[in-house]
Amino acid sequence: MGANAQPSFASVLYASSALPVLVAGLGWGNRTAIVAIVTAAILGAILVSPMFALAMAIFTLVPAGWLSHLANLARPASELGGPDNLMAWYPISDILLHLCGLVTLAVVILGVVIGYGPTLTNALVDAMVETFNQQNPAMVPDAAALAQTKRMILLMLPIVQGGLWVMLLFAAFYFAVRIVSRSGRALRPREDMPSALRMNRNAIFIFLCGIVLTFLGGVPAMIGATLCGTFGAGFLMAGFAALHFRLRDKDWRLPGLVLIYLSTMMLLPAIAVLVIGLTDTRRTIALTPARDTKSTDSKT
């Protein structure tokens, strides 16, 4: 509701609504997460509208519940060739892969619902040009530049929307893990993100498929742009995690990281970090001593 009332921080507030569901699922299991999702959806439908509740469920609640479910999955390490007295937890790389896929699906569904396409984006660009024309007629682009801008906006919006949403939801997951770990309720052990946060190797092929689709035009291009945004964000976060890991124990680590983050506000440095994420793909499986528990809600 706060996101509806405050456009300036709408994305942050909207993603933050995933935090309670993640805390419930990570600390108390699947049934509690389901109760949280249903409760939030019902309250959203009553207090705002059924459409608001549906959008919140697709974009935030269901992905949060699914992430908490995946994070709590564990099996005996002996099934993977490990020691008998340890448990193996679902890899962070696979959790991130699922998140990218879920956000891609959510953005595509939203696009279908709102009728996203050239008609919508062209009207948006025309409105922007009209505003510029009223403020400064000299800034209005010519016909060729305007047509190019319309083609660019058509693909840039799903890239930005998908990528931003992946990063915001994973940030909510990260903070939920820290909160639950501090409370002592965590079913999954807290992992070292700089060493564990990588993308699954199979995500490279999905990302390349998205790049190819953007050249086909029409609906395939918009779907490809969404794939580029969501999976590109995953590789970007993996690249940052790899840099954090490589700069660990360096005397100049803090100023180096500050310089890296500031430089990635430009395109080429951001692409360089993304390439680092592409070149460092792996599945890190956390192993912990087996616990005696009768609950099977979070294990496979």
C-alpha atoms as a PDB file:
ATOM      1  CA  MET A   1       0.000   0.000   0.000  1.00  0.00           C
ATOM      2  CA  GLY A   2       2.922   2.307   0.750  1.00  0.00           C
ATOM      3  CA  ALA A   3       4.327   1.599  -2.713  1.00  0.00           C
ATOM      4  CA  ASN A   4       1.048   2.781  -4.256  1.00  0.00           C
ATOM      5  CA  ALA A   5       1.138   5.996  -2.269  1.00  0.00           C
ATOM      6  CA  GLN A   6       4.822   6.855  -2.738  1.00  0.00           C
ATOM      7  CA  PRO A   7       6.069   6.534  -6.349  1.00  0.00           C
ATOM      8  CA  SER A   8       9.597   7.706  -5.463  1.00  0.00           C
ATOM      9  CA  PHE A   9      10.360   4.576  -3.445  1.00  0.00           C
ATOM     10  CA  ALA A  10       7.693   2.315  -4.900  1.00  0.00           C
ATOM     11  CA  SER A  11      10.066  -0.431  -6.070  1.00  0.00           C
ATOM     12  CA  VAL A  12      11.929  -0.595  -2.765  1.00  0.00           C
ATOM     13  CA  LEU A  13       8.737  -0.638  -0.694  1.00  0.00           C
ATOM     14  CA  TYR A  14       7.131  -3.209  -2.975  1.00  0.00           C
ATOM     15  CA  ALA A  15      10.131  -5.536  -2.777  1.00  0.00           C
ATOM     16  CA  SER A  16      10.309  -5.039   0.991  1.00  0.00           C
ATOM     17  CA  SER A  17       6.873  -6.618   1.267  1.00  0.00           C
ATOM     18  CA  ALA A  18       8.571  -9.924   0.427  1.00  0.00           C
ATOM     19  CA  LEU A  19      10.633  -9.743   3.626  1.00  0.00           C
ATOM     20  CA  PRO A  20       7.941 -10.942   6.101  1.00  0.00           C
ATOM     21  CA  VAL A  21       7.096 -13.924   3.863  1.00  0.00           C
ATOM     22  CA  LEU A  22      10.767 -14.817   3.555  1.00  0.00           C
ATOM     23  CA  VAL A  23      11.297 -14.553   7.316  1.00  0.00           C
ATOM     24  CA  ALA A  24       8.240 -16.731   7.966  1.00  0.00           C
ATOM     25  CA  GLY A  25       9.330 -19.371   5.454  1.00  0.00           C
ATOM     26  CA  LEU A  26      13.008 -19.428   6.411  1.00  0.00           C
ATOM     27  CA  GLY A  27      12.288 -19.584  10.123  1.00  0.00           C
ATOM     28  CA  TRP A  28       9.136 -21.692  10.378  1.00  0.00           C
ATOM     29  CA  GLY A  29       8.826 -23.661   7.133  1.00  0.00           C
ATOM     30  CA  ASN A  30       6.510 -23.985   4.155  1.00  0.00           C
ATOM     31  CA  ARG A  31       3.152 -24.029   5.921  1.00  0.00           C
ATOM     32  CA  THR A  32       3.871 -20.748   7.688  1.00  0.00           C
ATOM     33  CA  ALA A  33       5.000 -19.185   4.407  1.00  0.00           C
ATOM     34  CA  ILE A  34       1.768 -20.299   2.723  1.00  0.00           C
ATOM     35  CA  VAL A  35      -0.290 -18.774   5.549  1.00  0.00           C
ATOM     36  CA  ALA A  36       1.676 -15.526   5.169  1.00  0.00           C
ATOM     37  CA  ILE A  37       1.101 -15.443   1.388  1.00  0.00           C
ATOM     38  CA  VAL A  38      -2.631 -16.115   1.658  1.00  0.00           C
ATOM     39  CA  THR A  39      -3.065 -13.597   4.489  1.00  0.00           C
ATOM     40  CA  ALA A  40      -1.201 -10.857   2.611  1.00  0.00           C
ATOM     41  CA  ALA A  41      -3.152 -11.527  -0.593  1.00  0.00           C
ATOM     42  CA  ILE A  42      -6.510 -11.391   1.213  1.00  0.00           C
ATOM     43  CA  LEU A  43      -5.585  -8.153   2.988  1.00  0.00           C
ATOM     44  CA  GLY A  44      -4.399  -6.644  -0.304  1.00  0.00           C
ATOM     45  CA  ALA A  45      -7.679  -7.558  -2.000  1.00  0.00           C
ATOM     46  CA  ILE A  46      -9.762  -6.098   0.848  1.00  0.00           C
ATOM     47  CA  LEU A  47      -7.760  -2.933   1.489  1.00  0.00           C
ATOM     48  CA  VAL A  48      -6.845  -2.058  -2.123  1.00  0.00           C
ATOM     49  CA  SER A  49      -8.258  -4.251  -4.898  1.00  0.00           C
ATOM     50  CA  PRO A  50      -8.208  -7.843  -6.188  1.00  0.00           C
ATOM     51  CA  MET A  51      -5.956  -6.740  -9.075  1.00  0.00           C
ATOM     52  CA  PHE A  52      -3.472  -5.276  -6.594  1.00  0.00           C
ATOM     53  CA  ALA A  53      -3.514  -8.532  -4.613  1.00  0.00           C
ATOM     54  CA  LEU A  54      -2.963 -10.573  -7.789  1.00  0.00           C
ATOM     55  CA  ALA A  55      -0.034  -8.400  -8.892  1.00  0.00           C
ATOM     56  CA  MET A  56       1.479  -8.537  -5.401  1.00  0.00           C
ATOM     57  CA  ALA A  57       1.131 -12.325  -5.328  1.00  0.00           C
ATOM     58  CA  ILE A  58       2.726 -12.812  -8.751  1.00  0.00           C
ATOM     59  CA  PHE A  59       5.576 -10.336  -8.290  1.00  0.00           C
ATOM     60  CA  THR A  60       6.373 -10.623  -4.596  1.00  0.00           C
ATOM     61  CA  LEU A  61       4.542 -13.115  -2.407  1.00  0.00           C
ATOM     62  CA  VAL A  62       4.797 -16.307  -4.452  1.00  0.00           C
ATOM     63  CA  PRO A  63       8.473 -15.761  -5.432  1.00  0.00           C
ATOM     64  CA  ALA A  64       9.292 -15.075  -1.766  1.00  0.00           C
ATOM     65  CA  GLY A  65       7.524 -18.235  -0.644  1.00  0.00           C
ATOM     66  CA  TRP A  66       9.247 -20.307  -3.327  1.00  0.00           C
ATOM     67  CA  LEU A  67      12.684 -18.908  -2.419  1.00  0.00           C
ATOM     68  CA  SER A  68      12.168 -19.782   1.242  1.00  0.00           C
ATOM     69  CA  HIS A  69      11.052 -23.285   0.229  1.00  0.00           C
ATOM     70  CA  LEU A  70      14.155 -23.824  -1.896  1.00  0.00           C
ATOM     71  CA  ALA A  71      16.441 -22.426   0.792  1.00  0.00           C
ATOM     72  CA  ASN A  72      15.099 -24.949   3.313  1.00  0.00           C
ATOM     73  CA  LEU A  73      15.586 -27.967   1.072  1.00  0.00           C
ATOM     74  CA  ALA A  74      18.252 -30.352   2.351  1.00  0.00           C
ATOM     75  CA  ARG A  75      19.279 -33.963   1.883  1.00  0.00           C
ATOM     76  CA  PRO A  76      21.903 -36.264   3.409  1.00  0.00           C
ATOM     77  CA  ALA A  77      25.309 -35.468   1.968  1.00  0.00           C
ATOM     78  CA  SER A  78      25.852 -39.206   1.461  1.00  0.00           C
ATOM     79  CA  GLU A  79      23.349 -39.084  -1.421  1.00  0.00           C
ATOM     80  CA  LEU A  80      25.763 -36.751  -3.208  1.00  0.00           C
ATOM     81  CA  GLY A  81      28.864 -38.730  -2.327  1.00  0.00           C
ATOM     82  CA  GLY A  82      29.627 -36.821   0.874  1.00  0.00           C
ATOM     83  CA  PRO A  83      30.025 -37.891   4.530  1.00  0.00           C
ATOM     84  CA  ASP A  84      27.174 -39.707   6.248  1.00  0.00           C
ATOM     85  CA  ASN A  85      26.916 -37.284   9.168  1.00  0.00           C
ATOM     86  CA  LEU A  86      26.363 -34.103   7.120  1.00  0.00           C
ATOM     87  CA  MET A  87      23.414 -32.466   5.400  1.00  0.00           C
ATOM     88  CA  ALA A  88      23.685 -30.847   1.946  1.00  0.00           C
ATOM     89  CA  TRP A  89      21.597 -27.701   1.340  1.00  0.00           C
ATOM     90  CA  TYR A  90      20.100 -26.471  -1.907  1.00  0.00           C
ATOM     91  CA  PRO A  91      22.786 -24.358  -3.657  1.00  0.00           C
ATOM     92  CA  ILE A  92      22.513 -20.556  -3.692  1.00  0.00           C
ATOM     93  CA  SER A  93      23.298 -20.617  -7.424  1.00  0.00           C
ATOM     94  CA  ASP A  94      20.181 -22.696  -8.117  1.00  0.00           C
ATOM     95  CA  ILE A  95      18.070 -20.450  -5.869  1.00  0.00           C
ATOM     96  CA  LEU A  96      19.224 -17.438  -7.892  1.00  0.00           C
ATOM     97  CA  LEU A  97      18.461 -19.320 -11.122  1.00  0.00           C
ATOM     98  CA  HIS A  98      14.900 -19.960  -9.940  1.00  0.00           C
ATOM     99  CA  LEU A  99      14.526 -16.311  -8.939  1.00  0.00           C
ATOM    100  CA  CYS A 100      15.577 -15.115 -12.404  1.00  0.00           C
ATOM    101  CA  GLY A 101      13.086 -17.514 -14.003  1.00  0.00           C
ATOM    102  CA  LEU A 102      10.238 -16.478 -11.693  1.00  0.00           C
ATOM    103  CA  VAL A 103      10.810 -12.762 -12.309  1.00  0.00           C
ATOM    104  CA  THR A 104      10.977 -13.374 -16.064  1.00  0.00           C
ATOM    105  CA  LEU A 105       7.630 -15.150 -15.942  1.00  0.00           C
ATOM    106  CA  ALA A 106       6.124 -12.396 -13.755  1.00  0.00           C
ATOM    107  CA  VAL A 107       7.272  -9.607 -16.099  1.00  0.00           C
ATOM    108  CA  VAL A 108       5.907 -11.473 -19.132  1.00  0.00           C
ATOM    109  CA  ILE A 109       2.548 -11.985 -17.384  1.00  0.00           C
ATOM    110  CA  LEU A 110       2.420  -8.300 -16.448  1.00  0.00           C
ATOM    111  CA  GLY A 111       3.222  -7.359 -20.048  1.00  0.00           C
ATOM    112  CA  VAL A 112       0.330  -9.470 -21.322  1.00  0.00           C
ATOM    113  CA  VAL A 113      -2.067  -8.003 -18.750  1.00  0.00           C
ATOM    114  CA  ILE A 114      -1.242  -4.350 -19.509  1.00  0.00           C
ATOM    115  CA  GLY A 115      -0.878  -4.930 -23.249  1.00  0.00           C
ATOM    116  CA  TYR A 116       2.807  -4.004 -23.348  1.00  0.00           C
ATOM    117  CA  GLY A 117       4.075  -3.332 -26.851  1.00  0.00           C
ATOM    118  CA  PRO A 118       5.008  -0.638 -29.382  1.00  0.00           C
ATOM    119  CA  THR A 119       1.649   1.125 -28.981  1.00  0.00           C
ATOM    120  CA  LEU A 120       2.165   1.610 -25.257  1.00  0.00           C
ATOM    121  CA  THR A 121       5.840   2.604 -25.411  1.00  0.00           C
ATOM    122  CA  ASN A 122       5.341   4.889 -28.423  1.00  0.00           C
ATOM    123  CA  ALA A 123       2.634   6.773 -26.539  1.00  0.00           C
ATOM    124  CA  LEU A 124       5.008   7.069 -23.579  1.00  0.00           C
ATOM    125  CA  VAL A 125       7.816   8.454 -25.747  1.00  0.00           C
ATOM    126  CA  ASP A 126       5.445  10.855 -27.506  1.00  0.00           C
ATOM    127  CA  ALA A 127       4.289  12.204 -24.138  1.00  0.00           C
ATOM    128  CA  MET A 128       7.916  12.716 -23.072  1.00  0.00           C
ATOM    129  CA  VAL A 129       8.711  14.521 -26.341  1.00  0.00           C
ATOM    130  CA  GLU A 130       5.673  16.746 -25.932  1.00  0.00           C
ATOM    131  CA  THR A 131       6.868  17.706 -22.447  1.00  0.00           C
ATOM    132  CA  PHE A 132      10.336  18.536 -23.778  1.00  0.00           C
ATOM    133  CA  ASN A 133       8.783  20.516 -26.612  1.00  0.00           C
ATOM    134  CA  GLN A 134       6.911  22.694 -24.136  1.00  0.00           C
ATOM    135  CA  GLN A 135      10.018  23.280 -22.019  1.00  0.00           C
ATOM    136  CA  ASN A 136      12.632  23.641 -24.759  1.00  0.00           C
ATOM    137  CA  PRO A 137      11.702  23.144 -28.434  1.00  0.00           C
ATOM    138  CA  ALA A 138      15.388  22.902 -29.382  1.00  0.00           C
ATOM    139  CA  MET A 139      15.668  19.575 -27.491  1.00  0.00           C
ATOM    140  CA  VAL A 140      13.039  17.793 -29.598  1.00  0.00           C
ATOM    141  CA  PRO A 141      14.735  15.017 -31.678  1.00  0.00           C
ATOM    142  CA  ASP A 142      14.216  14.599 -35.400  1.00  0.00           C
ATOM    143  CA  ALA A 143      12.039  11.834 -36.876  1.00  0.00           C
ATOM    144  CA  ALA A 144      14.886   9.314 -37.288  1.00  0.00           C
ATOM    145  CA  ALA A 145      16.173   9.819 -33.756  1.00  0.00           C
ATOM    146  CA  LEU A 146      12.626   9.612 -32.398  1.00  0.00           C
ATOM    147  CA  ALA A 147      12.016   6.290 -34.149  1.00  0.00           C
ATOM    148  CA  GLN A 148      15.294   4.918 -32.779  1.00  0.00           C
ATOM    149  CA  THR A 149      14.378   6.066 -29.274  1.00  0.00           C
ATOM    150  CA  LYS A 150      11.026   4.285 -29.516  1.00  0.00           C
ATOM    151  CA  ARG A 151      12.722   1.027 -30.542  1.00  0.00           C
ATOM    152  CA  MET A 152      15.222   1.339 -27.711  1.00  0.00           C
ATOM    153  CA  ILE A 153      12.591   2.096 -25.043  1.00  0.00           C
ATOM    154  CA  LEU A 154      10.543  -0.908 -26.155  1.00  0.00           C
ATOM    155  CA  LEU A 155      13.407  -3.235 -25.143  1.00  0.00           C
ATOM    156  CA  MET A 156      14.967  -1.194 -22.349  1.00  0.00           C
ATOM    157  CA  LEU A 157      11.886  -1.146 -20.110  1.00  0.00           C
ATOM    158  CA  PRO A 158      11.650  -4.959 -19.651  1.00  0.00           C
ATOM    159  CA  ILE A 159      15.440  -5.157 -19.228  1.00  0.00           C
ATOM    160  CA  VAL A 160      15.435  -2.560 -16.454  1.00  0.00           C
ATOM    161  CA  GLN A 161      12.233  -3.816 -14.817  1.00  0.00           C
ATOM    162  CA  GLY A 162      13.355  -7.458 -14.789  1.00  0.00           C
ATOM    163  CA  GLY A 163      16.908  -6.744 -13.661  1.00  0.00           C
ATOM    164  CA  LEU A 164      15.900  -4.345 -10.900  1.00  0.00           C
ATOM    165  CA  TRP A 165      13.277  -6.747  -9.565  1.00  0.00           C
ATOM    166  CA  VAL A 166      15.742  -9.659  -9.389  1.00  0.00           C
ATOM    167  CA  MET A 167      18.212  -7.566  -7.397  1.00  0.00           C
ATOM    168  CA  LEU A 168      15.557  -6.188  -5.033  1.00  0.00           C
ATOM    169  CA  LEU A 169      14.062  -9.606  -4.281  1.00  0.00           C
ATOM    170  CA  PHE A 170      17.470 -11.175  -3.733  1.00  0.00           C
ATOM    171  CA  ALA A 171      18.346  -8.296  -1.397  1.00  0.00           C
ATOM    172  CA  ALA A 172      15.152  -9.072   0.550  1.00  0.00           C
ATOM    173  CA  PHE A 173      16.205 -12.748   0.669  1.00  0.00           C
ATOM    174  CA  TYR A 174      19.683 -11.793   1.918  1.00  0.00           C
ATOM    175  CA  PHE A 175      18.348  -9.597   4.718  1.00  0.00           C
ATOM    176  CA  ALA A 176      15.756 -12.228   5.665  1.00  0.00           C
ATOM    177  CA  VAL A 177      18.527 -14.820   6.027  1.00  0.00           C
ATOM    178  CA  ARG A 178      20.457 -12.481   8.308  1.00  0.00           C
ATOM    179  CA  ILE A 179      17.383 -11.699  10.424  1.00  0.00           C
ATOM    180  CA  VAL A 180      16.398 -15.334  10.855  1.00  0.00           C
ATOM    181  CA  SER A 181      19.998 -16.381  11.589  1.00  0.00           C
ATOM    182  CA  ARG A 182      20.250 -13.761  14.330  1.00  0.00           C
ATOM    183  CA  SER A 183      16.986 -14.966  15.854  1.00  0.00           C
ATOM    184  CA  GLY A 184      18.193 -18.553  16.091  1.00  0.00           C
ATOM    185  CA  ARG A 185      15.185 -19.814  14.096  1.00  0.00           C
ATOM    186  CA  ALA A 186      17.076 -20.485  10.864  1.00  0.00           C
ATOM    187  CA  LEU A 187      16.570 -23.914   9.357  1.00  0.00           C
ATOM    188  CA  ARG A 188      19.367 -23.247   6.843  1.00  0.00           C
ATOM    189  CA  PRO A 189      22.848 -22.178   7.951  1.00  0.00           C
ATOM    190  CA  ARG A 190      23.943 -18.707   6.954  1.00  0.00           C
ATOM    191  CA  GLU A 191      26.457 -18.898   4.105  1.00  0.00           C
ATOM    192  CA  ASP A 192      29.303 -16.642   3.070  1.00  0.00           C
ATOM    193  CA  MET A 193      27.745 -14.815   0.100  1.00  0.00           C
ATOM    194  CA  PRO A 194      31.010 -13.660  -1.547  1.00  0.00           C
ATOM    195  CA  SER A 195      32.046 -17.295  -2.001  1.00  0.00           C
ATOM    196  CA  ALA A 196      28.592 -18.882  -2.443  1.00  0.00           C
ATOM    197  CA  LEU A 197      26.756 -16.390  -4.678  1.00  0.00           C
ATOM    198  CA  ARG A 198      27.375 -17.562  -8.225  1.00  0.00           C
ATOM    199  CA  MET A 199      25.097 -18.345 -11.151  1.00  0.00           C
ATOM    200  CA  ASN A 200      24.364 -21.865 -12.348  1.00  0.00           C
ATOM    201  CA  ARG A 201      26.351 -22.767 -15.467  1.00  0.00           C
ATOM    202  CA  ASN A 202      23.130 -23.525 -17.362  1.00  0.00           C
ATOM    203  CA  ALA A 203      22.033 -19.899 -16.934  1.00  0.00           C
ATOM    204  CA  ILE A 204      24.628 -18.888 -19.542  1.00  0.00           C
ATOM    205  CA  PHE A 205      22.637 -20.620 -22.281  1.00  0.00           C
ATOM    206  CA  ILE A 206      19.399 -18.926 -21.181  1.00  0.00           C
ATOM    207  CA  PHE A 207      21.131 -15.549 -21.180  1.00  0.00           C
ATOM    208  CA  LEU A 208      22.552 -16.137 -24.674  1.00  0.00           C
ATOM    209  CA  CYS A 209      19.115 -17.266 -25.866  1.00  0.00           C
ATOM    210  CA  GLY A 210      17.688 -13.971 -24.588  1.00  0.00           C
ATOM    211  CA  ILE A 211      20.323 -12.017 -26.534  1.00  0.00           C
ATOM    212  CA  VAL A 212      19.459 -13.904 -29.746  1.00  0.00           C
ATOM    213  CA  LEU A 213      15.726 -13.321 -29.248  1.00  0.00           C
ATOM    214  CA  THR A 214      16.204  -9.551 -29.015  1.00  0.00           C
ATOM    215  CA  PHE A 215      17.291  -9.530 -32.679  1.00  0.00           C
ATOM    216  CA  LEU A 216      14.125 -11.281 -33.900  1.00  0.00           C
ATOM    217  CA  GLY A 217      11.768  -8.362 -33.306  1.00  0.00           C
ATOM    218  CA  GLY A 218       8.188  -8.371 -32.075  1.00  0.00           C
ATOM    219  CA  VAL A 219       7.118 -10.429 -29.061  1.00  0.00           C
ATOM    220  CA  PRO A 220      10.239 -12.674 -29.112  1.00  0.00           C
ATOM    221  CA  ALA A 221      12.422  -9.565 -28.814  1.00  0.00           C
ATOM    222  CA  MET A 222      10.487  -8.331 -25.775  1.00  0.00           C
ATOM    223  CA  ILE A 223      10.739 -11.759 -24.114  1.00  0.00           C
ATOM    224  CA  GLY A 224      14.445 -11.864 -24.973  1.00  0.00           C
ATOM    225  CA  ALA A 225      14.936  -8.424 -23.437  1.00  0.00           C
ATOM    226  CA  THR A 226      13.266  -9.639 -20.252  1.00  0.00           C
ATOM    227  CA  LEU A 227      15.591 -12.656 -20.144  1.00  0.00           C
ATOM    228  CA  CYS A 228      18.591 -10.394 -20.659  1.00  0.00           C
ATOM    229  CA  GLY A 229      17.478  -8.161 -17.803  1.00  0.00           C
ATOM    230  CA  THR A 230      16.697 -10.870 -15.250  1.00  0.00           C
ATOM    231  CA  PHE A 231      19.575 -13.249 -15.950  1.00  0.00           C
ATOM    232  CA  GLY A 232      21.932 -10.353 -16.617  1.00  0.00           C
ATOM    233  CA  ALA A 233      21.133  -9.070 -13.116  1.00  0.00           C
ATOM    234  CA  GLY A 234      21.946 -12.515 -11.730  1.00  0.00           C
ATOM    235  CA  PHE A 235      25.333 -12.538 -13.435  1.00  0.00           C
ATOM    236  CA  LEU A 236      25.947  -8.950 -12.330  1.00  0.00           C
ATOM    237  CA  MET A 237      25.352  -9.864  -8.672  1.00  0.00           C
ATOM    238  CA  ALA A 238      27.556 -12.934  -9.090  1.00  0.00           C
ATOM    239  CA  GLY A 239      30.276 -10.696 -10.531  1.00  0.00           C
ATOM    240  CA  PHE A 240      30.098  -8.357  -7.546  1.00  0.00           C
ATOM    241  CA  ALA A 241      30.228 -11.347  -5.175  1.00  0.00           C
ATOM    242  CA  ALA A 242      33.297 -12.687  -6.995  1.00  0.00           C
ATOM    243  CA  LEU A 243      35.012  -9.300  -6.662  1.00  0.00           C
ATOM    244  CA  HIS A 244      34.193  -9.189  -2.936  1.00  0.00           C
ATOM    245  CA  PHE A 245      35.722 -12.664  -2.583  1.00  0.00           C
ATOM    246  CA  ARG A 246      38.866 -11.833  -4.573  1.00  0.00           C
ATOM    247  CA  LEU A 247      39.491  -8.601  -2.664  1.00  0.00           C
ATOM    248  CA  ARG A 248      39.083 -10.257   0.718  1.00  0.00           C
ATOM    249  CA  ASP A 249      42.016  -9.665   3.105  1.00  0.00           C
ATOM    250  CA  LYS A 250      43.419  -6.954   0.811  1.00  0.00           C
ATOM    251  CA  ASP A 251      44.496  -3.757   2.561  1.00  0.00           C
ATOM    252  CA  TRP A 252      42.849  -1.657  -0.136  1.00  0.00           C
ATOM    253  CA  ARG A 253      39.631  -3.705  -0.224  1.00  0.00           C
ATOM    254  CA  LEU A 254      37.245  -0.964   0.960  1.00  0.00           C
ATOM    255  CA  PRO A 255      38.401   1.834  -1.369  1.00  0.00           C
ATOM    256  CA  GLY A 256      38.646  -0.694  -4.190  1.00  0.00           C
ATOM    257  CA  LEU A 257      35.055  -1.824  -3.728  1.00  0.00           C
ATOM    258  CA  VAL A 258      33.824   1.761  -3.430  1.00  0.00           C
ATOM    259  CA  LEU A 259      35.575   2.602  -6.703  1.00  0.00           C
ATOM    260  CA  ILE A 260      34.090  -0.476  -8.400  1.00  0.00           C
ATOM    261  CA  TYR A 261      30.540   0.309  -7.292  1.00  0.00           C
ATOM    262  CA  LEU A 262      30.835   3.941  -8.323  1.00  0.00           C
ATOM    263  CA  SER A 263      32.279   3.041 -11.716  1.00  0.00           C
ATOM    264  CA  THR A 264      29.471   0.576 -12.478  1.00  0.00           C
ATOM    265  CA  MET A 265      27.054   3.480 -12.725  1.00  0.00           C
ATOM    266  CA  MET A 266      28.520   3.683 -16.238  1.00  0.00           C
ATOM    267  CA  LEU A 267      27.779   1.022 -18.831  1.00  0.00           C
ATOM    268  CA  LEU A 268      31.220  -0.403 -19.686  1.00  0.00           C
ATOM    269  CA  PRO A 269      32.347  -1.079 -16.076  1.00  0.00           C
ATOM    270  CA  ALA A 270      28.960  -2.708 -15.378  1.00  0.00           C
ATOM    271  CA  ILE A 271      29.439  -4.954 -18.410  1.00  0.00           C
ATOM    272  CA  ALA A 272      32.920  -5.866 -17.120  1.00  0.00           C
ATOM    273  CA  VAL A 273      31.448  -6.965 -13.764  1.00  0.00           C
ATOM    274  CA  LEU A 274      28.769  -8.934 -15.622  1.00  0.00           C
ATOM    275  CA  VAL A 275      31.481 -10.704 -17.645  1.00  0.00           C
ATOM    276  CA  ILE A 276      33.227 -11.656 -14.392  1.00  0.00           C
ATOM    277  CA  GLY A 277      29.955 -13.242 -13.279  1.00  0.00           C
ATOM    278  CA  LEU A 278      29.714 -15.094 -16.606  1.00  0.00           C
ATOM    279  CA  THR A 279      33.232 -16.496 -16.290  1.00  0.00           C
ATOM    280  CA  ASP A 280      32.818 -17.674 -12.669  1.00  0.00           C
ATOM    281  CA  THR A 281      29.849 -20.058 -12.654  1.00  0.00           C
ATOM    282  CA  ARG A 282      29.615 -22.885 -10.137  1.00  0.00           C
ATOM    283  CA  ARG A 283      27.325 -24.656  -7.666  1.00  0.00           C
ATOM    284  CA  THR A 284      28.525 -24.319  -4.080  1.00  0.00           C
ATOM    285  CA  ILE A 285      26.721 -26.710  -1.740  1.00  0.00           C
ATOM    286  CA  ALA A 286      26.682 -25.876   1.965  1.00  0.00           C
ATOM    287  CA  LEU A 287      27.297 -28.845   4.300  1.00  0.00           C
ATOM    288  CA  THR A 288      26.284 -28.865   7.951  1.00  0.00           C
ATOM    289  CA  PRO A 289      26.073 -31.539  10.669  1.00  0.00           C
ATOM    290  CA  ALA A 290      22.805 -33.447  10.542  1.00  0.00           C
ATOM    291  CA  ARG A 291      20.239 -32.388  13.124  1.00  0.00           C
ATOM    292  CA  ASP A 292      17.770 -34.683  14.835  1.00  0.00           C
ATOM    293  CA  THR A 293      14.337 -33.388  13.870  1.00  0.00           C
ATOM    294  CA  LYS A 294      10.948 -34.887  13.203  1.00  0.00           C
ATOM    295  CA  SER A 295       9.957 -32.119  10.824  1.00  0.00           C
ATOM    296  CA  THR A 296      10.074 -32.970   7.122  1.00  0.00           C
ATOM    297  CA  ASP A 297       8.478 -29.733   6.013  1.00  0.00           C
ATOM    298  CA  SER A 298      11.766 -28.312   4.773  1.00  0.00           C
ATOM    299  CA  LYS A 299      13.674 -31.409   3.725  1.00  0.00           C
ATOM    300  CA  THR A 300      13.702 -33.713   0.725  1.00  0.00           C
END
